[in-house]
């Protein structure tokens, strides 16, 4: 059995812990579910770990659902930017890498797919879409290739951190939605609660702060992640000429 990795911890377990912890804070504040106390610390730790793993897996799945089905969320927050857009922003890499990367692209797709921004902007929209899809696939194939030869430590570290902040962003979004629903239910007297308005405001400020920080860090880390992968793969291709 493979050992539990930093990728698994940062990408799944830790965001799940954050979601479970703050969901418990909301639950205690509003008194929704009376959770019985468990005396055995080992059992408590096991339950929390299982709950965090479940919650983290849910966030992991939602991360991909947002990518495929709800792109407007990522587009609005820019927590997920496609690799073509990011690569085009790295103008300093084009003169250095385009020839080498296109040589590999021709091997795989029988065509160039890496251009400078000026050339890319002159392409038709349909052609740009094809380029975007091919660069996405190229990036995935490059990632798995350097992973196979165990040369992806730099890019994987950034990838793990990126997933942590992306999934923390989703967790904070879910918490804000849950909190808003509960506040609405209290206002319409559907449920009763002893929590003061100052406590609710504090929770809102906390979740919004986590959300904004997660958005900023996810945007920064995704760009670094993509750049590190291209540097690693470019070096790998040159060494193995």
C-alpha atoms as a PDB file:
ATOM      1  CA  UNK A   1       0.000   0.000   0.000  1.00  0.00           C
ATOM      2  CA  UNK A   2       1.403   3.390  -0.935  1.00  0.00           C
ATOM      3  CA  UNK A   3       2.236   5.726   1.914  1.00  0.00           C
ATOM      4  CA  UNK A   4       0.005   8.696   2.641  1.00  0.00           C
ATOM      5  CA  UNK A   5       1.512  11.634   0.771  1.00  0.00           C
ATOM      6  CA  UNK A   6       1.714  15.390   1.324  1.00  0.00           C
ATOM      7  CA  UNK A   7      -0.515  15.701  -1.755  1.00  0.00           C
ATOM      8  CA  UNK A   8      -3.232  13.627  -0.041  1.00  0.00           C
ATOM      9  CA  UNK A   9      -2.896  15.535   3.225  1.00  0.00           C
ATOM     10  CA  UNK A  10      -2.942  19.040   1.712  1.00  0.00           C
ATOM     11  CA  UNK A  11      -5.376  18.288  -1.095  1.00  0.00           C
ATOM     12  CA  UNK A  12      -7.927  16.189   0.802  1.00  0.00           C
ATOM     13  CA  UNK A  13      -7.517  15.766   4.563  1.00  0.00           C
ATOM     14  CA  UNK A  14      -6.595  19.299   5.686  1.00  0.00           C
ATOM     15  CA  UNK A  15      -9.358  21.091   3.719  1.00  0.00           C
ATOM     16  CA  UNK A  16     -11.744  18.434   5.033  1.00  0.00           C
ATOM     17  CA  UNK A  17     -10.621  19.183   8.591  1.00  0.00           C
ATOM     18  CA  UNK A  18     -11.305  22.882   8.047  1.00  0.00           C
ATOM     19  CA  UNK A  19     -14.790  22.155   6.717  1.00  0.00           C
ATOM     20  CA  UNK A  20     -15.608  19.732   9.544  1.00  0.00           C
ATOM     21  CA  UNK A  21     -14.255  22.061  12.244  1.00  0.00           C
ATOM     22  CA  UNK A  22     -16.169  25.144  11.125  1.00  0.00           C
ATOM     23  CA  UNK A  23     -19.293  23.101  10.394  1.00  0.00           C
ATOM     24  CA  UNK A  24     -19.091  21.983  14.034  1.00  0.00           C
ATOM     25  CA  UNK A  25     -18.673  25.640  15.108  1.00  0.00           C
ATOM     26  CA  UNK A  26     -21.814  26.592  13.160  1.00  0.00           C
ATOM     27  CA  UNK A  27     -23.683  23.610  14.564  1.00  0.00           C
ATOM     28  CA  UNK A  28     -22.730  24.512  18.133  1.00  0.00           C
ATOM     29  CA  UNK A  29     -23.562  28.192  17.613  1.00  0.00           C
ATOM     30  CA  UNK A  30     -27.047  27.482  16.264  1.00  0.00           C
ATOM     31  CA  UNK A  31     -27.690  24.335  18.297  1.00  0.00           C
ATOM     32  CA  UNK A  32     -28.874  22.330  15.298  1.00  0.00           C
ATOM     33  CA  UNK A  33     -27.765  18.822  16.221  1.00  0.00           C
ATOM     34  CA  UNK A  34     -26.973  17.678  19.747  1.00  0.00           C
ATOM     35  CA  UNK A  35     -23.813  15.623  19.296  1.00  0.00           C
ATOM     36  CA  UNK A  36     -23.186  13.237  22.219  1.00  0.00           C
ATOM     37  CA  UNK A  37     -19.835  13.497  23.981  1.00  0.00           C
ATOM     38  CA  UNK A  38     -17.373  10.668  23.524  1.00  0.00           C
ATOM     39  CA  UNK A  39     -14.886  10.077  26.303  1.00  0.00           C
ATOM     40  CA  UNK A  40     -12.358   7.923  24.450  1.00  0.00           C
ATOM     41  CA  UNK A  41      -9.853  10.239  22.716  1.00  0.00           C
ATOM     42  CA  UNK A  42      -8.815   7.507  20.290  1.00  0.00           C
ATOM     43  CA  UNK A  43     -12.401   7.117  19.088  1.00  0.00           C
ATOM     44  CA  UNK A  44     -12.767  10.908  18.804  1.00  0.00           C
ATOM     45  CA  UNK A  45      -9.590  11.129  16.715  1.00  0.00           C
ATOM     46  CA  UNK A  46     -10.765   8.272  14.484  1.00  0.00           C
ATOM     47  CA  UNK A  47     -14.193   9.834  13.932  1.00  0.00           C
ATOM     48  CA  UNK A  48     -12.668  13.251  13.159  1.00  0.00           C
ATOM     49  CA  UNK A  49     -10.181  11.715  10.733  1.00  0.00           C
ATOM     50  CA  UNK A  50     -12.917   9.756   8.965  1.00  0.00           C
ATOM     51  CA  UNK A  51     -15.157  12.836   8.806  1.00  0.00           C
ATOM     52  CA  UNK A  52     -12.268  14.960   7.494  1.00  0.00           C
ATOM     53  CA  UNK A  53     -11.413  12.363   4.856  1.00  0.00           C
ATOM     54  CA  UNK A  54     -15.044  12.196   3.750  1.00  0.00           C
ATOM     55  CA  UNK A  55     -15.435  15.987   3.683  1.00  0.00           C
ATOM     56  CA  UNK A  56     -12.083  16.416   1.920  1.00  0.00           C
ATOM     57  CA  UNK A  57     -13.031  13.855  -0.728  1.00  0.00           C
ATOM     58  CA  UNK A  58     -16.276  15.748  -1.292  1.00  0.00           C
ATOM     59  CA  UNK A  59     -14.322  18.995  -1.768  1.00  0.00           C
ATOM     60  CA  UNK A  60     -11.921  17.208  -4.137  1.00  0.00           C
ATOM     61  CA  UNK A  61     -14.834  15.989  -6.266  1.00  0.00           C
ATOM     62  CA  UNK A  62     -16.505  19.410  -6.192  1.00  0.00           C
ATOM     63  CA  UNK A  63     -13.226  20.953  -7.369  1.00  0.00           C
ATOM     64  CA  UNK A  64     -13.443  18.920 -10.582  1.00  0.00           C
ATOM     65  CA  UNK A  65     -17.202  19.438 -10.916  1.00  0.00           C
ATOM     66  CA  UNK A  66     -16.608  23.190 -10.807  1.00  0.00           C
ATOM     67  CA  UNK A  67     -13.929  22.792 -13.483  1.00  0.00           C
ATOM     68  CA  UNK A  68     -16.210  20.879 -15.860  1.00  0.00           C
ATOM     69  CA  UNK A  69     -19.766  21.972 -15.039  1.00  0.00           C
ATOM     70  CA  UNK A  70     -19.600  25.261 -13.107  1.00  0.00           C
ATOM     71  CA  UNK A  71     -16.713  27.124 -14.714  1.00  0.00           C
ATOM     72  CA  UNK A  72     -18.328  30.485 -13.972  1.00  0.00           C
ATOM     73  CA  UNK A  73     -17.307  30.119 -10.300  1.00  0.00           C
ATOM     74  CA  UNK A  74     -13.647  29.715 -11.167  1.00  0.00           C
ATOM     75  CA  UNK A  75     -13.901  32.286 -13.960  1.00  0.00           C
ATOM     76  CA  UNK A  76     -15.301  34.884 -11.563  1.00  0.00           C
ATOM     77  CA  UNK A  77     -12.744  34.199  -8.808  1.00  0.00           C
ATOM     78  CA  UNK A  78      -9.870  33.216 -11.155  1.00  0.00           C
ATOM     79  CA  UNK A  79      -9.002  30.326  -8.822  1.00  0.00           C
ATOM     80  CA  UNK A  80      -8.655  28.110 -11.900  1.00  0.00           C
ATOM     81  CA  UNK A  81      -7.073  29.575 -15.039  1.00  0.00           C
ATOM     82  CA  UNK A  82      -6.395  27.310 -18.023  1.00  0.00           C
ATOM     83  CA  UNK A  83      -2.773  26.483 -18.749  1.00  0.00           C
ATOM     84  CA  UNK A  84      -2.798  28.213 -22.158  1.00  0.00           C
ATOM     85  CA  UNK A  85      -3.709  31.566 -20.618  1.00  0.00           C
ATOM     86  CA  UNK A  86      -1.062  31.139 -17.920  1.00  0.00           C
ATOM     87  CA  UNK A  87       1.630  30.133 -20.400  1.00  0.00           C
ATOM     88  CA  UNK A  88       0.825  33.111 -22.636  1.00  0.00           C
ATOM     89  CA  UNK A  89       1.329  35.365 -19.610  1.00  0.00           C
ATOM     90  CA  UNK A  90       4.854  33.979 -19.208  1.00  0.00           C
ATOM     91  CA  UNK A  91       6.277  35.830 -22.197  1.00  0.00           C
ATOM     92  CA  UNK A  92       9.852  35.409 -20.990  1.00  0.00           C
ATOM     93  CA  UNK A  93       9.565  31.624 -21.546  1.00  0.00           C
ATOM     94  CA  UNK A  94       8.389  31.695 -25.156  1.00  0.00           C
ATOM     95  CA  UNK A  95      11.679  32.342 -26.952  1.00  0.00           C
ATOM     96  CA  UNK A  96      13.371  29.802 -24.694  1.00  0.00           C
ATOM     97  CA  UNK A  97      10.847  26.960 -24.602  1.00  0.00           C
ATOM     98  CA  UNK A  98       8.499  27.155 -27.588  1.00  0.00           C
ATOM     99  CA  UNK A  99      10.826  25.351 -30.023  1.00  0.00           C
ATOM    100  CA  UNK A 100      11.524  22.474 -27.599  1.00  0.00           C
ATOM    101  CA  UNK A 101       7.907  22.106 -26.456  1.00  0.00           C
ATOM    102  CA  UNK A 102       6.611  22.283 -30.015  1.00  0.00           C
ATOM    103  CA  UNK A 103       9.018  19.533 -31.056  1.00  0.00           C
ATOM    104  CA  UNK A 104       7.327  17.292 -28.492  1.00  0.00           C
ATOM    105  CA  UNK A 105       3.878  18.580 -29.513  1.00  0.00           C
ATOM    106  CA  UNK A 106       4.627  17.618 -33.124  1.00  0.00           C
ATOM    107  CA  UNK A 107       5.595  14.144 -31.947  1.00  0.00           C
ATOM    108  CA  UNK A 108       2.262  13.792 -30.133  1.00  0.00           C
ATOM    109  CA  UNK A 109      -0.137  15.885 -32.237  1.00  0.00           C
ATOM    110  CA  UNK A 110       1.737  16.528 -35.512  1.00  0.00           C
ATOM    111  CA  UNK A 111       1.489  20.297 -35.059  1.00  0.00           C
ATOM    112  CA  UNK A 112       2.759  23.302 -33.091  1.00  0.00           C
ATOM    113  CA  UNK A 113       0.656  24.317 -30.097  1.00  0.00           C
ATOM    114  CA  UNK A 114       2.920  26.814 -28.302  1.00  0.00           C
ATOM    115  CA  UNK A 115       3.011  30.412 -29.532  1.00  0.00           C
ATOM    116  CA  UNK A 116       3.779  33.870 -28.258  1.00  0.00           C
ATOM    117  CA  UNK A 117       0.754  35.961 -27.328  1.00  0.00           C
ATOM    118  CA  UNK A 118       0.854  38.099 -30.479  1.00  0.00           C
ATOM    119  CA  UNK A 119       0.720  35.029 -32.740  1.00  0.00           C
ATOM    120  CA  UNK A 120      -1.948  33.342 -30.595  1.00  0.00           C
ATOM    121  CA  UNK A 121      -4.179  36.429 -30.696  1.00  0.00           C
ATOM    122  CA  UNK A 122      -4.138  36.367 -34.506  1.00  0.00           C
ATOM    123  CA  UNK A 123      -5.591  32.844 -34.595  1.00  0.00           C
ATOM    124  CA  UNK A 124      -9.296  32.271 -35.180  1.00  0.00           C
ATOM    125  CA  UNK A 125     -11.401  31.557 -32.099  1.00  0.00           C
ATOM    126  CA  UNK A 126     -12.017  27.966 -33.237  1.00  0.00           C
ATOM    127  CA  UNK A 127      -8.278  27.430 -33.647  1.00  0.00           C
ATOM    128  CA  UNK A 128      -7.587  28.956 -30.219  1.00  0.00           C
ATOM    129  CA  UNK A 129     -10.049  26.511 -28.649  1.00  0.00           C
ATOM    130  CA  UNK A 130      -8.230  23.590 -30.265  1.00  0.00           C
ATOM    131  CA  UNK A 131      -4.899  24.942 -29.009  1.00  0.00           C
ATOM    132  CA  UNK A 132      -6.317  25.296 -25.478  1.00  0.00           C
ATOM    133  CA  UNK A 133      -7.538  21.697 -25.453  1.00  0.00           C
ATOM    134  CA  UNK A 134      -4.239  20.359 -26.790  1.00  0.00           C
ATOM    135  CA  UNK A 135      -2.208  22.375 -24.275  1.00  0.00           C
ATOM    136  CA  UNK A 136      -4.381  21.020 -21.453  1.00  0.00           C
ATOM    137  CA  UNK A 137      -3.688  17.499 -22.646  1.00  0.00           C
ATOM    138  CA  UNK A 138       0.003  18.276 -23.188  1.00  0.00           C
ATOM    139  CA  UNK A 139       0.278  19.597 -19.627  1.00  0.00           C
ATOM    140  CA  UNK A 140      -1.335  16.447 -18.182  1.00  0.00           C
ATOM    141  CA  UNK A 141       0.901  14.143 -20.213  1.00  0.00           C
ATOM    142  CA  UNK A 142       4.000  16.117 -19.222  1.00  0.00           C
ATOM    143  CA  UNK A 143       2.952  16.021 -15.565  1.00  0.00           C
ATOM    144  CA  UNK A 144       2.508  12.249 -15.548  1.00  0.00           C
ATOM    145  CA  UNK A 145       5.734  11.730 -17.477  1.00  0.00           C
ATOM    146  CA  UNK A 146       7.865  13.654 -14.977  1.00  0.00           C
ATOM    147  CA  UNK A 147       5.954  11.975 -12.156  1.00  0.00           C
ATOM    148  CA  UNK A 148       6.830   8.564 -13.610  1.00  0.00           C
ATOM    149  CA  UNK A 149      10.523   9.423 -13.686  1.00  0.00           C
ATOM    150  CA  UNK A 150      10.202  10.976 -10.189  1.00  0.00           C
ATOM    151  CA  UNK A 151      11.313  14.460 -11.272  1.00  0.00           C
ATOM    152  CA  UNK A 152       8.116  16.318 -10.373  1.00  0.00           C
ATOM    153  CA  UNK A 153       8.810  17.259  -6.733  1.00  0.00           C
ATOM    154  CA  UNK A 154       8.885  21.063  -7.343  1.00  0.00           C
ATOM    155  CA  UNK A 155       5.687  21.188  -9.424  1.00  0.00           C
ATOM    156  CA  UNK A 156       3.909  18.650  -7.208  1.00  0.00           C
ATOM    157  CA  UNK A 157       4.634  20.699  -4.087  1.00  0.00           C
ATOM    158  CA  UNK A 158       3.027  23.752  -5.684  1.00  0.00           C
ATOM    159  CA  UNK A 159       0.200  21.556  -6.986  1.00  0.00           C
ATOM    160  CA  UNK A 160      -0.489  20.228  -3.469  1.00  0.00           C
ATOM    161  CA  UNK A 161      -0.544  23.730  -2.004  1.00  0.00           C
ATOM    162  CA  UNK A 162      -2.739  24.943  -4.862  1.00  0.00           C
ATOM    163  CA  UNK A 163      -5.267  22.177  -4.203  1.00  0.00           C
ATOM    164  CA  UNK A 164      -5.271  23.014  -0.495  1.00  0.00           C
ATOM    165  CA  UNK A 165      -6.234  26.636  -1.130  1.00  0.00           C
ATOM    166  CA  UNK A 166      -8.635  25.772  -3.968  1.00  0.00           C
ATOM    167  CA  UNK A 167     -10.483  23.272  -1.782  1.00  0.00           C
ATOM    168  CA  UNK A 168     -10.362  25.632   1.207  1.00  0.00           C
ATOM    169  CA  UNK A 169     -12.003  28.231  -1.047  1.00  0.00           C
ATOM    170  CA  UNK A 170     -14.781  25.740  -1.858  1.00  0.00           C
ATOM    171  CA  UNK A 171     -15.120  24.864   1.850  1.00  0.00           C
ATOM    172  CA  UNK A 172     -15.462  28.529   2.842  1.00  0.00           C
ATOM    173  CA  UNK A 173     -18.026  29.019   0.062  1.00  0.00           C
ATOM    174  CA  UNK A 174     -20.085  26.086   1.380  1.00  0.00           C
ATOM    175  CA  UNK A 175     -19.808  27.417   4.938  1.00  0.00           C
ATOM    176  CA  UNK A 176     -21.009  30.869   3.851  1.00  0.00           C
ATOM    177  CA  UNK A 177     -23.975  29.309   2.051  1.00  0.00           C
ATOM    178  CA  UNK A 178     -24.846  27.152   5.083  1.00  0.00           C
ATOM    179  CA  UNK A 179     -24.527  30.126   7.442  1.00  0.00           C
ATOM    180  CA  UNK A 180     -26.717  32.296   5.193  1.00  0.00           C
ATOM    181  CA  UNK A 181     -29.417  29.607   5.037  1.00  0.00           C
ATOM    182  CA  UNK A 182     -29.438  29.296   8.836  1.00  0.00           C
ATOM    183  CA  UNK A 183     -29.594  33.071   9.298  1.00  0.00           C
ATOM    184  CA  UNK A 184     -32.546  33.208   6.885  1.00  0.00           C
ATOM    185  CA  UNK A 185     -34.314  30.429   8.812  1.00  0.00           C
ATOM    186  CA  UNK A 186     -33.777  32.327  12.067  1.00  0.00           C
ATOM    187  CA  UNK A 187     -35.085  35.556  10.546  1.00  0.00           C
ATOM    188  CA  UNK A 188     -38.244  33.787   9.336  1.00  0.00           C
ATOM    189  CA  UNK A 189     -38.534  32.125  12.767  1.00  0.00           C
ATOM    190  CA  UNK A 190     -38.335  28.647  11.249  1.00  0.00           C
ATOM    191  CA  UNK A 191     -35.703  27.771  13.830  1.00  0.00           C
ATOM    192  CA  UNK A 192     -34.662  29.351  17.110  1.00  0.00           C
ATOM    193  CA  UNK A 193     -31.115  30.087  18.224  1.00  0.00           C
ATOM    194  CA  UNK A 194     -29.310  31.677  21.149  1.00  0.00           C
ATOM    195  CA  UNK A 195     -26.440  32.996  19.054  1.00  0.00           C
ATOM    196  CA  UNK A 196     -26.036  36.788  19.139  1.00  0.00           C
ATOM    197  CA  UNK A 197     -25.835  38.916  16.002  1.00  0.00           C
ATOM    198  CA  UNK A 198     -22.220  39.787  16.884  1.00  0.00           C
ATOM    199  CA  UNK A 199     -21.373  36.087  16.772  1.00  0.00           C
ATOM    200  CA  UNK A 200     -22.982  35.714  13.351  1.00  0.00           C
ATOM    201  CA  UNK A 201     -21.116  38.760  12.038  1.00  0.00           C
ATOM    202  CA  UNK A 202     -17.864  37.330  13.374  1.00  0.00           C
ATOM    203  CA  UNK A 203     -18.496  34.044  11.545  1.00  0.00           C
ATOM    204  CA  UNK A 204     -19.264  35.910   8.310  1.00  0.00           C
ATOM    205  CA  UNK A 205     -16.069  37.960   8.602  1.00  0.00           C
ATOM    206  CA  UNK A 206     -14.045  34.833   9.348  1.00  0.00           C
ATOM    207  CA  UNK A 207     -15.405  32.831   6.417  1.00  0.00           C
ATOM    208  CA  UNK A 208     -15.096  35.765   3.996  1.00  0.00           C
ATOM    209  CA  UNK A 209     -11.489  36.332   5.126  1.00  0.00           C
ATOM    210  CA  UNK A 210     -10.657  32.654   4.557  1.00  0.00           C
ATOM    211  CA  UNK A 211     -12.383  32.768   1.152  1.00  0.00           C
ATOM    212  CA  UNK A 212     -10.511  35.872  -0.029  1.00  0.00           C
ATOM    213  CA  UNK A 213      -7.156  34.581   1.223  1.00  0.00           C
ATOM    214  CA  UNK A 214      -7.783  31.231  -0.473  1.00  0.00           C
ATOM    215  CA  UNK A 215      -8.640  32.925  -3.777  1.00  0.00           C
ATOM    216  CA  UNK A 216      -5.453  35.014  -3.702  1.00  0.00           C
ATOM    217  CA  UNK A 217      -3.195  32.086  -2.793  1.00  0.00           C
ATOM    218  CA  UNK A 218      -4.837  29.689  -5.274  1.00  0.00           C
ATOM    219  CA  UNK A 219      -4.347  32.178  -8.126  1.00  0.00           C
ATOM    220  CA  UNK A 220      -0.686  32.731  -7.240  1.00  0.00           C
ATOM    221  CA  UNK A 221       0.101  29.052  -6.671  1.00  0.00           C
ATOM    222  CA  UNK A 222      -1.553  27.849  -9.882  1.00  0.00           C
ATOM    223  CA  UNK A 223       0.654  30.130 -11.950  1.00  0.00           C
ATOM    224  CA  UNK A 224       3.762  28.958 -10.095  1.00  0.00           C
ATOM    225  CA  UNK A 225       2.634  25.338 -10.418  1.00  0.00           C
ATOM    226  CA  UNK A 226       2.282  25.590 -14.201  1.00  0.00           C
ATOM    227  CA  UNK A 227       5.584  27.432 -14.587  1.00  0.00           C
ATOM    228  CA  UNK A 228       7.443  24.857 -12.451  1.00  0.00           C
ATOM    229  CA  UNK A 229       6.016  21.997 -14.502  1.00  0.00           C
ATOM    230  CA  UNK A 230       7.078  23.561 -17.792  1.00  0.00           C
ATOM    231  CA  UNK A 231      10.569  24.288 -16.458  1.00  0.00           C
ATOM    232  CA  UNK A 232      10.887  20.696 -15.223  1.00  0.00           C
ATOM    233  CA  UNK A 233       9.640  19.202 -18.468  1.00  0.00           C
ATOM    234  CA  UNK A 234      11.727  21.553 -20.616  1.00  0.00           C
ATOM    235  CA  UNK A 235      14.838  20.527 -18.671  1.00  0.00           C
ATOM    236  CA  UNK A 236      13.874  16.848 -18.955  1.00  0.00           C
ATOM    237  CA  UNK A 237      13.467  17.116 -22.743  1.00  0.00           C
ATOM    238  CA  UNK A 238      16.823  18.887 -23.175  1.00  0.00           C
ATOM    239  CA  UNK A 239      18.703  16.377 -21.022  1.00  0.00           C
ATOM    240  CA  UNK A 240      17.212  13.447 -22.941  1.00  0.00           C
ATOM    241  CA  UNK A 241      17.847  14.772 -26.473  1.00  0.00           C
END
